[in-house]
PDB file of N, CA and C in Angstrom:
ATOM      1  N   UNK A   1       1.992  12.669   1.597  1.00  0.00           N
ATOM      2  CA  UNK A   1       1.824  11.357   2.183  1.00  0.00           C
ATOM      3  C   UNK A   1       0.735  10.607   1.420  1.00  0.00           C
ATOM      4  N   UNK A   2       0.925   9.318   1.240  1.00  0.00           N
ATOM      5  CA  UNK A   2      -0.028   8.487   0.496  1.00  0.00           C
ATOM      6  C   UNK A   2      -1.393   8.480   1.179  1.00  0.00           C
ATOM      7  N   UNK A   3      -2.436   8.356   0.345  1.00  0.00           N
ATOM      8  CA  UNK A   3      -3.791   8.332   0.870  1.00  0.00           C
ATOM      9  C   UNK A   3      -4.628   7.337   0.080  1.00  0.00           C
ATOM     10  N   UNK A   4      -5.331   6.471   0.800  1.00  0.00           N
ATOM     11  CA  UNK A   4      -6.269   5.531   0.189  1.00  0.00           C
ATOM     12  C   UNK A   4      -7.656   6.167   0.154  1.00  0.00           C
ATOM     13  N   UNK A   5      -8.266   6.195  -1.023  1.00  0.00           N
ATOM     14  CA  UNK A   5      -9.611   6.763  -1.159  1.00  0.00           C
ATOM     15  C   UNK A   5     -10.443   5.895  -2.098  1.00  0.00           C
ATOM     16  N   UNK A   6     -11.742   6.016  -1.962  1.00  0.00           N
ATOM     17  CA  UNK A   6     -12.671   5.339  -2.862  1.00  0.00           C
ATOM     18  C   UNK A   6     -13.171   6.379  -3.857  1.00  0.00           C
ATOM     19  N   UNK A   7     -13.053   6.055  -5.140  1.00  0.00           N
ATOM     20  CA  UNK A   7     -13.547   6.919  -6.217  1.00  0.00           C
ATOM     21  C   UNK A   7     -14.422   6.057  -7.122  1.00  0.00           C
ATOM     22  N   UNK A   8     -15.724   6.210  -6.987  1.00  0.00           N
ATOM     23  CA  UNK A   8     -16.648   5.392  -7.771  1.00  0.00           C
ATOM     24  C   UNK A   8     -16.518   3.930  -7.376  1.00  0.00           C
ATOM     25  N   UNK A   9     -16.233   3.076  -8.352  1.00  0.00           N
ATOM     26  CA  UNK A   9     -16.093   1.651  -8.068  1.00  0.00           C
ATOM     27  C   UNK A   9     -14.629   1.230  -7.945  1.00  0.00           C
ATOM     28  N   UNK A  10     -13.755   2.214  -7.695  1.00  0.00           N
ATOM     29  CA  UNK A  10     -12.323   1.924  -7.568  1.00  0.00           C
ATOM     30  C   UNK A  10     -11.781   2.376  -6.216  1.00  0.00           C
ATOM     31  N   UNK A  11     -10.748   1.682  -5.772  1.00  0.00           N
ATOM     32  CA  UNK A  11      -9.938   2.146  -4.654  1.00  0.00           C
ATOM     33  C   UNK A  11      -8.680   2.731  -5.290  1.00  0.00           C
ATOM     34  N   UNK A  12      -8.280   3.893  -4.805  1.00  0.00           N
ATOM     35  CA  UNK A  12      -7.143   4.604  -5.385  1.00  0.00           C
ATOM     36  C   UNK A  12      -6.126   4.887  -4.291  1.00  0.00           C
ATOM     37  N   UNK A  13      -4.869   4.621  -4.592  1.00  0.00           N
ATOM     38  CA  UNK A  13      -3.768   4.964  -3.699  1.00  0.00           C
ATOM     39  C   UNK A  13      -3.079   6.175  -4.305  1.00  0.00           C
ATOM     40  N   UNK A  14      -3.417   7.361  -3.764  1.00  0.00           N
ATOM     41  CA  UNK A  14      -2.806   8.602  -4.226  1.00  0.00           C
ATOM     42  C   UNK A  14      -1.449   8.755  -3.548  1.00  0.00           C
ATOM     43  N   UNK A  15      -0.426   8.967  -4.354  1.00  0.00           N
ATOM     44  CA  UNK A  15       0.934   9.177  -3.847  1.00  0.00           C
ATOM     45  C   UNK A  15       1.293  10.651  -3.940  1.00  0.00           C
ATOM     46  N   UNK A  16       2.108  11.104  -2.993  1.00  0.00           N
ATOM     47  CA  UNK A  16       2.617  12.476  -3.075  1.00  0.00           C
ATOM     48  C   UNK A  16       3.629  12.549  -4.223  1.00  0.00           C
ATOM     49  N   UNK A  17       3.974  13.750  -4.608  1.00  0.00           N
ATOM     50  CA  UNK A  17       4.977  13.929  -5.678  1.00  0.00           C
ATOM     51  C   UNK A  17       6.286  13.227  -5.309  1.00  0.00           C
ATOM     52  N   UNK A  18       6.726  13.373  -4.061  1.00  0.00           N
ATOM     53  CA  UNK A  18       7.966  12.744  -3.615  1.00  0.00           C
ATOM     54  C   UNK A  18       7.858  11.218  -3.681  1.00  0.00           C
ATOM     55  N   UNK A  19       6.726  10.680  -3.231  1.00  0.00           N
ATOM     56  CA  UNK A  19       6.526   9.226  -3.270  1.00  0.00           C
ATOM     57  C   UNK A  19       6.525   8.707  -4.707  1.00  0.00           C
ATOM     58  N   UNK A  20       5.982   9.473  -5.619  1.00  0.00           N
ATOM     59  CA  UNK A  20       6.005   9.071  -7.029  1.00  0.00           C
ATOM     60  C   UNK A  20       7.442   8.998  -7.542  1.00  0.00           C
ATOM     61  N   UNK A  21       8.253   9.959  -7.151  1.00  0.00           N
ATOM     62  CA  UNK A  21       9.666   9.941  -7.558  1.00  0.00           C
ATOM     63  C   UNK A  21      10.414   8.786  -6.894  1.00  0.00           C
ATOM     64  N   UNK A  22      10.183   8.565  -5.595  1.00  0.00           N
ATOM     65  CA  UNK A  22      10.867   7.498  -4.860  1.00  0.00           C
ATOM     66  C   UNK A  22      10.530   6.118  -5.412  1.00  0.00           C
ATOM     67  N   UNK A  23       9.277   5.925  -5.774  1.00  0.00           N
ATOM     68  CA  UNK A  23       8.829   4.601  -6.206  1.00  0.00           C
ATOM     69  C   UNK A  23       8.896   4.406  -7.716  1.00  0.00           C
ATOM     70  N   UNK A  24       9.190   5.484  -8.440  1.00  0.00           N
ATOM     71  CA  UNK A  24       9.172   5.445  -9.902  1.00  0.00           C
ATOM     72  C   UNK A  24       7.812   4.892 -10.357  1.00  0.00           C
ATOM     73  N   UNK A  25       6.757   5.461  -9.785  1.00  0.00           N
ATOM     74  CA  UNK A  25       5.403   4.957 -10.030  1.00  0.00           C
ATOM     75  C   UNK A  25       4.411   6.094  -9.851  1.00  0.00           C
ATOM     76  N   UNK A  26       3.271   5.976 -10.482  1.00  0.00           N
ATOM     77  CA  UNK A  26       2.194   6.943 -10.292  1.00  0.00           C
ATOM     78  C   UNK A  26       1.173   6.397  -9.312  1.00  0.00           C
ATOM     79  N   UNK A  27       0.045   7.098  -9.204  1.00  0.00           N
ATOM     80  CA  UNK A  27      -1.049   6.631  -8.356  1.00  0.00           C
ATOM     81  C   UNK A  27      -1.477   5.235  -8.806  1.00  0.00           C
ATOM     82  N   UNK A  28      -1.964   4.432  -7.862  1.00  0.00           N
ATOM     83  CA  UNK A  28      -2.424   3.079  -8.169  1.00  0.00           C
ATOM     84  C   UNK A  28      -3.942   3.020  -8.072  1.00  0.00           C
ATOM     85  N   UNK A  29      -4.553   2.184  -8.910  1.00  0.00           N
ATOM     86  CA  UNK A  29      -6.004   2.008  -8.934  1.00  0.00           C
ATOM     87  C   UNK A  29      -6.331   0.531  -9.046  1.00  0.00           C
ATOM     88  N   UNK A  30      -7.419   0.155  -8.398  1.00  0.00           N
ATOM     89  CA  UNK A  30      -7.936  -1.211  -8.516  1.00  0.00           C
ATOM     90  C   UNK A  30      -9.446  -1.159  -8.305  1.00  0.00           C
ATOM     91  N   UNK A  31     -10.142  -2.088  -8.872  1.00  0.00           N
ATOM     92  CA  UNK A  31     -11.590  -2.163  -8.680  1.00  0.00           C
ATOM     93  C   UNK A  31     -11.881  -2.627  -7.251  1.00  0.00           C
ATOM     94  N   UNK A  32     -12.851  -2.012  -6.611  1.00  0.00           N
ATOM     95  CA  UNK A  32     -13.231  -2.403  -5.257  1.00  0.00           C
ATOM     96  C   UNK A  32     -13.614  -3.879  -5.221  1.00  0.00           C
ATOM     97  N   UNK A  33     -14.247  -4.346  -6.294  1.00  0.00           N
ATOM     98  CA  UNK A  33     -14.664  -5.751  -6.360  1.00  0.00           C
ATOM     99  C   UNK A  33     -13.474  -6.715  -6.319  1.00  0.00           C
ATOM    100  N   UNK A  34     -12.261  -6.229  -6.623  1.00  0.00           N
ATOM    101  CA  UNK A  34     -11.081  -7.100  -6.609  1.00  0.00           C
ATOM    102  C   UNK A  34     -10.456  -7.226  -5.219  1.00  0.00           C
ATOM    103  N   UNK A  35     -10.950  -6.478  -4.221  1.00  0.00           N
ATOM    104  CA  UNK A  35     -10.410  -6.564  -2.862  1.00  0.00           C
ATOM    105  C   UNK A  35     -10.824  -7.897  -2.240  1.00  0.00           C
ATOM    106  N   UNK A  36      -9.840  -8.682  -1.833  1.00  0.00           N
ATOM    107  CA  UNK A  36     -10.099  -9.948  -1.134  1.00  0.00           C
ATOM    108  C   UNK A  36     -10.182  -9.752   0.365  1.00  0.00           C
ATOM    109  N   UNK A  37      -9.277  -8.923   0.902  1.00  0.00           N
ATOM    110  CA  UNK A  37      -9.258  -8.688   2.340  1.00  0.00           C
ATOM    111  C   UNK A  37      -8.519  -7.400   2.648  1.00  0.00           C
ATOM    112  N   UNK A  38      -8.800  -6.863   3.836  1.00  0.00           N
ATOM    113  CA  UNK A  38      -8.107  -5.677   4.339  1.00  0.00           C
ATOM    114  C   UNK A  38      -7.717  -5.985   5.778  1.00  0.00           C
ATOM    115  N   UNK A  39      -6.423  -5.899   6.069  1.00  0.00           N
ATOM    116  CA  UNK A  39      -5.908  -6.260   7.393  1.00  0.00           C
ATOM    117  C   UNK A  39      -5.159  -5.077   8.005  1.00  0.00           C
ATOM    118  N   UNK A  40      -5.435  -4.780   9.275  1.00  0.00           N
ATOM    119  CA  UNK A  40      -4.686  -3.759   9.999  1.00  0.00           C
ATOM    120  C   UNK A  40      -3.354  -4.367  10.428  1.00  0.00           C
ATOM    121  N   UNK A  41      -2.270  -3.633  10.183  1.00  0.00           N
ATOM    122  CA  UNK A  41      -0.922  -4.084  10.540  1.00  0.00           C
ATOM    123  C   UNK A  41      -0.353  -3.182  11.629  1.00  0.00           C
ATOM    124  N   UNK A  42       0.129  -3.773  12.709  1.00  0.00           N
ATOM    125  CA  UNK A  42       0.807  -2.979  13.734  1.00  0.00           C
ATOM    126  C   UNK A  42       2.202  -2.568  13.279  1.00  0.00           C
ATOM    127  N   UNK A  43       2.827  -3.368  12.413  1.00  0.00           N
ATOM    128  CA  UNK A  43       4.142  -3.047  11.854  1.00  0.00           C
ATOM    129  C   UNK A  43       4.062  -3.185  10.340  1.00  0.00           C
ATOM    130  N   UNK A  44       3.744  -2.096   9.672  1.00  0.00           N
ATOM    131  CA  UNK A  44       3.603  -2.131   8.214  1.00  0.00           C
ATOM    132  C   UNK A  44       4.954  -2.221   7.508  1.00  0.00           C
ATOM    133  N   UNK A  45       6.052  -1.967   8.216  1.00  0.00           N
ATOM    134  CA  UNK A  45       7.378  -2.111   7.611  1.00  0.00           C
ATOM    135  C   UNK A  45       7.712  -3.584   7.356  1.00  0.00           C
ATOM    136  N   UNK A  46       7.262  -4.481   8.231  1.00  0.00           N
ATOM    137  CA  UNK A  46       7.652  -5.893   8.156  1.00  0.00           C
ATOM    138  C   UNK A  46       7.339  -6.535   6.808  1.00  0.00           C
ATOM    139  N   UNK A  47       6.131  -6.414   6.250  1.00  0.00           N
ATOM    140  CA  UNK A  47       5.870  -7.068   4.965  1.00  0.00           C
ATOM    141  C   UNK A  47       6.691  -6.489   3.813  1.00  0.00           C
ATOM    142  N   UNK A  48       7.170  -5.257   3.989  1.00  0.00           N
ATOM    143  CA  UNK A  48       7.962  -4.619   2.939  1.00  0.00           C
ATOM    144  C   UNK A  48       9.434  -5.008   3.014  1.00  0.00           C
ATOM    145  N   UNK A  49       9.831  -5.734   4.041  1.00  0.00           N
ATOM    146  CA  UNK A  49      11.231  -6.123   4.232  1.00  0.00           C
ATOM    147  C   UNK A  49      11.542  -7.480   3.616  1.00  0.00           C
ATOM    148  N   UNK A  50      11.053  -7.718   2.401  1.00  0.00           N
ATOM    149  CA  UNK A  50      11.314  -8.990   1.736  1.00  0.00           C
ATOM    150  C   UNK A  50      11.390  -8.760   0.242  1.00  0.00           C
ATOM    151  N   UNK A  51      11.972  -9.700  -0.462  1.00  0.00           N
ATOM    152  CA  UNK A  51      11.965  -9.681  -1.917  1.00  0.00           C
ATOM    153  C   UNK A  51      12.796  -8.593  -2.558  1.00  0.00           C
ATOM    154  N   UNK A  52      12.651  -8.485  -3.875  1.00  0.00           N
ATOM    155  CA  UNK A  52      13.360  -7.521  -4.705  1.00  0.00           C
ATOM    156  C   UNK A  52      12.536  -6.245  -4.803  1.00  0.00           C
ATOM    157  N   UNK A  53      13.153  -5.109  -4.533  1.00  0.00           N
ATOM    158  CA  UNK A  53      12.436  -3.835  -4.508  1.00  0.00           C
ATOM    159  C   UNK A  53      12.861  -2.920  -5.642  1.00  0.00           C
ATOM    160  N   UNK A  54      11.886  -2.236  -6.218  1.00  0.00           N
ATOM    161  CA  UNK A  54      12.154  -1.188  -7.184  1.00  0.00           C
ATOM    162  C   UNK A  54      11.573   0.075  -6.569  1.00  0.00           C
ATOM    163  N   UNK A  55      12.465   0.946  -6.108  1.00  0.00           N
ATOM    164  CA  UNK A  55      12.034   2.165  -5.435  1.00  0.00           C
ATOM    165  C   UNK A  55      12.938   2.460  -4.260  1.00  0.00           C
ATOM    166  N   UNK A  56      12.451   3.277  -3.338  1.00  0.00           N
ATOM    167  CA  UNK A  56      13.230   3.730  -2.188  1.00  0.00           C
ATOM    168  C   UNK A  56      12.989   2.814  -0.993  1.00  0.00           C
ATOM    169  N   UNK A  57      14.094   2.472  -0.304  1.00  0.00           N
ATOM    170  CA  UNK A  57      13.961   1.637   0.887  1.00  0.00           C
ATOM    171  C   UNK A  57      15.072   1.948   1.882  1.00  0.00           C
ATOM    172  N   UNK A  58      14.668   2.359   3.068  1.00  0.00           N
ATOM    173  CA  UNK A  58      15.558   2.502   4.213  1.00  0.00           C
ATOM    174  C   UNK A  58      14.941   1.619   5.289  1.00  0.00           C
ATOM    175  N   UNK A  59      15.484   0.420   5.528  1.00  0.00           N
ATOM    176  CA  UNK A  59      14.841  -0.568   6.410  1.00  0.00           C
ATOM    177  C   UNK A  59      14.361   0.017   7.738  1.00  0.00           C
ATOM    178  N   UNK A  60      13.085  -0.219   8.034  1.00  0.00           N
ATOM    179  CA  UNK A  60      12.489   0.248   9.272  1.00  0.00           C
ATOM    180  C   UNK A  60      12.209   1.732   9.324  1.00  0.00           C
ATOM    181  N   UNK A  61      12.588   2.465   8.285  1.00  0.00           N
ATOM    182  CA  UNK A  61      12.398   3.912   8.247  1.00  0.00           C
ATOM    183  C   UNK A  61      11.394   4.286   7.161  1.00  0.00           C
ATOM    184  N   UNK A  62      11.635   3.826   5.941  1.00  0.00           N
ATOM    185  CA  UNK A  62      10.774   4.195   4.831  1.00  0.00           C
ATOM    186  C   UNK A  62      10.908   3.175   3.702  1.00  0.00           C
ATOM    187  N   UNK A  63       9.757   2.735   3.221  1.00  0.00           N
ATOM    188  CA  UNK A  63       9.710   1.883   2.044  1.00  0.00           C
ATOM    189  C   UNK A  63       8.652   2.461   1.114  1.00  0.00           C
ATOM    190  N   UNK A  64       9.068   2.825  -0.071  1.00  0.00           N
ATOM    191  CA  UNK A  64       8.144   3.305  -1.098  1.00  0.00           C
ATOM    192  C   UNK A  64       8.594   2.615  -2.379  1.00  0.00           C
ATOM    193  N   UNK A  65       7.993   1.441  -2.641  1.00  0.00           N
ATOM    194  CA  UNK A  65       8.537   0.617  -3.706  1.00  0.00           C
ATOM    195  C   UNK A  65       7.577  -0.475  -4.155  1.00  0.00           C
ATOM    196  N   UNK A  66       7.828  -0.958  -5.370  1.00  0.00           N
ATOM    197  CA  UNK A  66       7.232  -2.207  -5.829  1.00  0.00           C
ATOM    198  C   UNK A  66       8.123  -3.312  -5.293  1.00  0.00           C
ATOM    199  N   UNK A  67       7.510  -4.361  -4.790  1.00  0.00           N
ATOM    200  CA  UNK A  67       8.259  -5.464  -4.186  1.00  0.00           C
ATOM    201  C   UNK A  67       7.847  -6.753  -4.874  1.00  0.00           C
ATOM    202  N   UNK A  68       8.845  -7.498  -5.303  1.00  0.00           N
ATOM    203  CA  UNK A  68       8.594  -8.771  -5.974  1.00  0.00           C
ATOM    204  C   UNK A  68       9.191  -9.888  -5.129  1.00  0.00           C
ATOM    205  N   UNK A  69       8.332 -10.719  -4.576  1.00  0.00           N
ATOM    206  CA  UNK A  69       8.799 -11.885  -3.819  1.00  0.00           C
ATOM    207  C   UNK A  69       8.701 -13.086  -4.756  1.00  0.00           C
ATOM    208  N   UNK A  70       8.982 -14.250  -4.261  1.00  0.00           N
ATOM    209  CA  UNK A  70       8.852 -15.436  -5.088  1.00  0.00           C
ATOM    210  C   UNK A  70       7.421 -15.737  -5.481  1.00  0.00           C
ATOM    211  N   UNK A  71       6.470 -15.268  -4.679  1.00  0.00           N
ATOM    212  CA  UNK A  71       5.074 -15.621  -4.919  1.00  0.00           C
ATOM    213  C   UNK A  71       4.135 -14.421  -5.064  1.00  0.00           C
ATOM    214  N   UNK A  72       4.585 -13.210  -4.718  1.00  0.00           N
ATOM    215  CA  UNK A  72       3.686 -12.054  -4.724  1.00  0.00           C
ATOM    216  C   UNK A  72       4.326 -10.835  -5.357  1.00  0.00           C
ATOM    217  N   UNK A  73       3.459  -9.960  -5.833  1.00  0.00           N
ATOM    218  CA  UNK A  73       3.867  -8.633  -6.291  1.00  0.00           C
ATOM    219  C   UNK A  73       3.139  -7.626  -5.396  1.00  0.00           C
ATOM    220  N   UNK A  74       3.909  -6.890  -4.591  1.00  0.00           N
ATOM    221  CA  UNK A  74       3.355  -5.940  -3.626  1.00  0.00           C
ATOM    222  C   UNK A  74       3.745  -4.520  -4.003  1.00  0.00           C
ATOM    223  N   UNK A  75       2.975  -3.561  -3.499  1.00  0.00           N
ATOM    224  CA  UNK A  75       3.390  -2.163  -3.543  1.00  0.00           C
ATOM    225  C   UNK A  75       3.322  -1.654  -2.118  1.00  0.00           C
ATOM    226  N   UNK A  76       4.411  -1.055  -1.640  1.00  0.00           N
ATOM    227  CA  UNK A  76       4.461  -0.570  -0.258  1.00  0.00           C
ATOM    228  C   UNK A  76       4.769   0.919  -0.226  1.00  0.00           C
ATOM    229  N   UNK A  77       4.070   1.607   0.676  1.00  0.00           N
ATOM    230  CA  UNK A  77       4.356   3.007   0.965  1.00  0.00           C
ATOM    231  C   UNK A  77       4.167   3.180   2.476  1.00  0.00           C
ATOM    232  N   UNK A  78       5.312   3.109   3.185  1.00  0.00           N
ATOM    233  CA  UNK A  78       5.313   3.149   4.646  1.00  0.00           C
ATOM    234  C   UNK A  78       6.441   4.082   5.079  1.00  0.00           C
ATOM    235  N   UNK A  79       6.128   4.980   6.016  1.00  0.00           N
ATOM    236  CA  UNK A  79       7.124   5.928   6.502  1.00  0.00           C
ATOM    237  C   UNK A  79       7.302   5.792   8.013  1.00  0.00           C
ATOM    238  N   UNK A  80       8.355   6.401   8.519  1.00  0.00           N
ATOM    239  CA  UNK A  80       8.668   6.353   9.951  1.00  0.00           C
ATOM    240  C   UNK A  80       7.506   6.857  10.802  1.00  0.00           C
ATOM    241  N   UNK A  81       6.838   7.915  10.339  1.00  0.00           N
ATOM    242  CA  UNK A  81       5.759   8.496  11.139  1.00  0.00           C
ATOM    243  C   UNK A  81       4.423   7.762  10.969  1.00  0.00           C
ATOM    244  N   UNK A  82       4.382   6.737  10.114  1.00  0.00           N
ATOM    245  CA  UNK A  82       3.177   5.916   9.954  1.00  0.00           C
ATOM    246  C   UNK A  82       3.567   4.432   9.948  1.00  0.00           C
ATOM    247  N   UNK A  83       4.120   3.929  11.050  1.00  0.00           N
ATOM    248  CA  UNK A  83       4.568   2.535  11.076  1.00  0.00           C
ATOM    249  C   UNK A  83       3.417   1.530  11.081  1.00  0.00           C
ATOM    250  N   UNK A  84       2.235   1.941  11.561  1.00  0.00           N
ATOM    251  CA  UNK A  84       1.048   1.082  11.476  1.00  0.00           C
ATOM    252  C   UNK A  84       0.430   1.305  10.104  1.00  0.00           C
ATOM    253  N   UNK A  85      -0.403   0.372   9.693  1.00  0.00           N
ATOM    254  CA  UNK A  85      -1.011   0.565   8.387  1.00  0.00           C
ATOM    255  C   UNK A  85      -1.958  -0.544   8.005  1.00  0.00           C
ATOM    256  N   UNK A  86      -2.158  -0.673   6.705  1.00  0.00           N
ATOM    257  CA  UNK A  86      -3.083  -1.663   6.159  1.00  0.00           C
ATOM    258  C   UNK A  86      -2.391  -2.513   5.111  1.00  0.00           C
ATOM    259  N   UNK A  87      -2.845  -3.746   5.020  1.00  0.00           N
ATOM    260  CA  UNK A  87      -2.509  -4.608   3.894  1.00  0.00           C
ATOM    261  C   UNK A  87      -3.835  -4.856   3.173  1.00  0.00           C
ATOM    262  N   UNK A  88      -3.900  -4.422   1.925  1.00  0.00           N
ATOM    263  CA  UNK A  88      -5.085  -4.625   1.103  1.00  0.00           C
ATOM    264  C   UNK A  88      -4.722  -5.691   0.073  1.00  0.00           C
ATOM    265  N   UNK A  89      -5.350  -6.872   0.179  1.00  0.00           N
ATOM    266  CA  UNK A  89      -5.099  -7.974  -0.740  1.00  0.00           C
ATOM    267  C   UNK A  89      -6.109  -7.941  -1.878  1.00  0.00           C
ATOM    268  N   UNK A  90      -5.605  -8.210  -3.090  1.00  0.00           N
ATOM    269  CA  UNK A  90      -6.432  -8.162  -4.291  1.00  0.00           C
ATOM    270  C   UNK A  90      -6.429  -9.502  -5.024  1.00  0.00           C
ATOM    271  N   UNK A  91      -7.450  -9.682  -5.826  1.00  0.00           N
ATOM    272  CA  UNK A  91      -7.516 -10.809  -6.750  1.00  0.00           C
ATOM    273  C   UNK A  91      -7.792 -10.241  -8.134  1.00  0.00           C
ATOM    274  N   UNK A  92      -6.923 -10.559  -9.087  1.00  0.00           N
ATOM    275  CA  UNK A  92      -7.112 -10.083 -10.448  1.00  0.00           C
ATOM    276  C   UNK A  92      -6.726  -8.636 -10.671  1.00  0.00           C
ATOM    277  N   UNK A  93      -5.885  -8.066  -9.825  1.00  0.00           N
ATOM    278  CA  UNK A  93      -5.419  -6.684  -9.977  1.00  0.00           C
ATOM    279  C   UNK A  93      -3.934  -6.694 -10.369  1.00  0.00           C
ATOM    280  N   UNK A  94      -3.393  -5.518 -10.667  1.00  0.00           N
ATOM    281  CA  UNK A  94      -1.985  -5.425 -11.063  1.00  0.00           C
ATOM    282  C   UNK A  94      -1.036  -5.882  -9.959  1.00  0.00           C
ATOM    283  N   UNK A  95      -1.408  -5.623  -8.708  1.00  0.00           N
ATOM    284  CA  UNK A  95      -0.599  -6.045  -7.559  1.00  0.00           C
ATOM    285  C   UNK A  95      -1.408  -7.032  -6.727  1.00  0.00           C
ATOM    286  N   UNK A  96      -0.719  -7.969  -6.084  1.00  0.00           N
ATOM    287  CA  UNK A  96      -1.385  -8.908  -5.176  1.00  0.00           C
ATOM    288  C   UNK A  96      -1.825  -8.194  -3.902  1.00  0.00           C
ATOM    289  N   UNK A  97      -1.053  -7.168  -3.487  1.00  0.00           N
ATOM    290  CA  UNK A  97      -1.398  -6.436  -2.265  1.00  0.00           C
ATOM    291  C   UNK A  97      -0.724  -5.073  -2.267  1.00  0.00           C
ATOM    292  N   UNK A  98      -1.370  -4.147  -1.555  1.00  0.00           N
ATOM    293  CA  UNK A  98      -0.778  -2.856  -1.241  1.00  0.00           C
ATOM    294  C   UNK A  98      -0.550  -2.829   0.257  1.00  0.00           C
ATOM    295  N   UNK A  99       0.624  -2.370   0.673  1.00  0.00           N
ATOM    296  CA  UNK A  99       0.949  -2.153   2.082  1.00  0.00           C
ATOM    297  C   UNK A  99       1.039  -0.639   2.257  1.00  0.00           C
ATOM    298  N   UNK A 100       0.138  -0.074   3.067  1.00  0.00           N
ATOM    299  CA  UNK A 100       0.044   1.385   3.163  1.00  0.00           C
ATOM    300  C   UNK A 100       0.098   1.805   4.628  1.00  0.00           C
ATOM    301  N   UNK A 101       1.105   2.582   4.980  1.00  0.00           N
ATOM    302  CA  UNK A 101       1.180   3.134   6.324  1.00  0.00           C
ATOM    303  C   UNK A 101       0.170   4.252   6.483  1.00  0.00           C
ATOM    304  N   UNK A 102      -0.506   4.299   7.628  1.00  0.00           N
ATOM    305  CA  UNK A 102      -1.463   5.372   7.891  1.00  0.00           C
ATOM    306  C   UNK A 102      -1.604   5.587   9.394  1.00  0.00           C
ATOM    307  N   UNK A 103      -1.939   6.805   9.771  1.00  0.00           N
ATOM    308  CA  UNK A 103      -2.028   7.172  11.185  1.00  0.00           C
ATOM    309  C   UNK A 103      -3.160   6.454  11.905  1.00  0.00           C
ATOM    310  N   UNK A 104      -4.269   6.237  11.211  1.00  0.00           N
ATOM    311  CA  UNK A 104      -5.436   5.598  11.824  1.00  0.00           C
ATOM    312  C   UNK A 104      -5.957   4.501  10.886  1.00  0.00           C
ATOM    313  N   UNK A 105      -5.269   3.355  10.834  1.00  0.00           N
ATOM    314  CA  UNK A 105      -5.647   2.322   9.871  1.00  0.00           C
ATOM    315  C   UNK A 105      -7.061   1.780  10.065  1.00  0.00           C
ATOM    316  N   UNK A 106      -7.552   1.770  11.288  1.00  0.00           N
ATOM    317  CA  UNK A 106      -8.903   1.260  11.535  1.00  0.00           C
ATOM    318  C   UNK A 106      -9.955   2.118  10.815  1.00  0.00           C
ATOM    319  N   UNK A 107      -9.803   3.437  10.871  1.00  0.00           N
ATOM    320  CA  UNK A 107     -10.749   4.337  10.185  1.00  0.00           C
ATOM    321  C   UNK A 107     -10.647   4.203   8.674  1.00  0.00           C
ATOM    322  N   UNK A 108      -9.434   4.100   8.169  1.00  0.00           N
ATOM    323  CA  UNK A 108      -9.252   3.952   6.721  1.00  0.00           C
ATOM    324  C   UNK A 108      -9.868   2.634   6.253  1.00  0.00           C
ATOM    325  N   UNK A 109      -9.690   1.589   7.037  1.00  0.00           N
ATOM    326  CA  UNK A 109     -10.272   0.291   6.695  1.00  0.00           C
ATOM    327  C   UNK A 109     -11.794   0.410   6.580  1.00  0.00           C
ATOM    328  N   UNK A 110     -12.422   1.087   7.508  1.00  0.00           N
ATOM    329  CA  UNK A 110     -13.883   1.255   7.470  1.00  0.00           C
ATOM    330  C   UNK A 110     -14.314   2.037   6.218  1.00  0.00           C
ATOM    331  N   UNK A 111     -13.566   3.059   5.858  1.00  0.00           N
ATOM    332  CA  UNK A 111     -13.913   3.866   4.686  1.00  0.00           C
ATOM    333  C   UNK A 111     -13.827   3.073   3.390  1.00  0.00           C
ATOM    334  N   UNK A 112     -12.807   2.240   3.269  1.00  0.00           N
ATOM    335  CA  UNK A 112     -12.639   1.538   1.989  1.00  0.00           C
ATOM    336  C   UNK A 112     -13.489   0.276   1.901  1.00  0.00           C
ATOM    337  N   UNK A 113     -13.942  -0.245   3.016  1.00  0.00           N
ATOM    338  CA  UNK A 113     -14.797  -1.438   2.978  1.00  0.00           C
ATOM    339  C   UNK A 113     -16.265  -1.087   2.783  1.00  0.00           C
ATOM    340  N   UNK A 114     -16.634   0.163   3.078  1.00  0.00           N
ATOM    341  CA  UNK A 114     -18.030   0.601   2.907  1.00  0.00           C
ATOM    342  C   UNK A 114     -18.071   1.857   2.059  1.00  0.00           C
ATOM    343  N   UNK A 115     -17.873   1.730   0.752  1.00  0.00           N
ATOM    344  CA  UNK A 115     -17.863   2.932  -0.093  1.00  0.00           C
ATOM    345  C   UNK A 115     -19.243   3.559  -0.188  1.00  0.00           C
TER     346      UNK A 115
END
């Protein structure tokens, strides 16, 4: 299962082996200084249900993919057992935002905002 962690001055989205295969992507990294905002989502599937996806998607069940909308480039990793999650918005990073399902998004938000 995906995990958001702080490593030095970076935030890292570690993907499981299966998630790497599903998304055709490796772990993601961004500078902490590039974080614009972190929002808790009650339905992390909703933001992933738009645009063109490269990766695995079963609507409302699992999204592990790069998503390209008309205005944003997102990366989503959300599963049935983690429907709540976080939206981490970036400025000047490879992706405009990461959508990450997690069991306790409030705790994860606190960890990544105070490295």
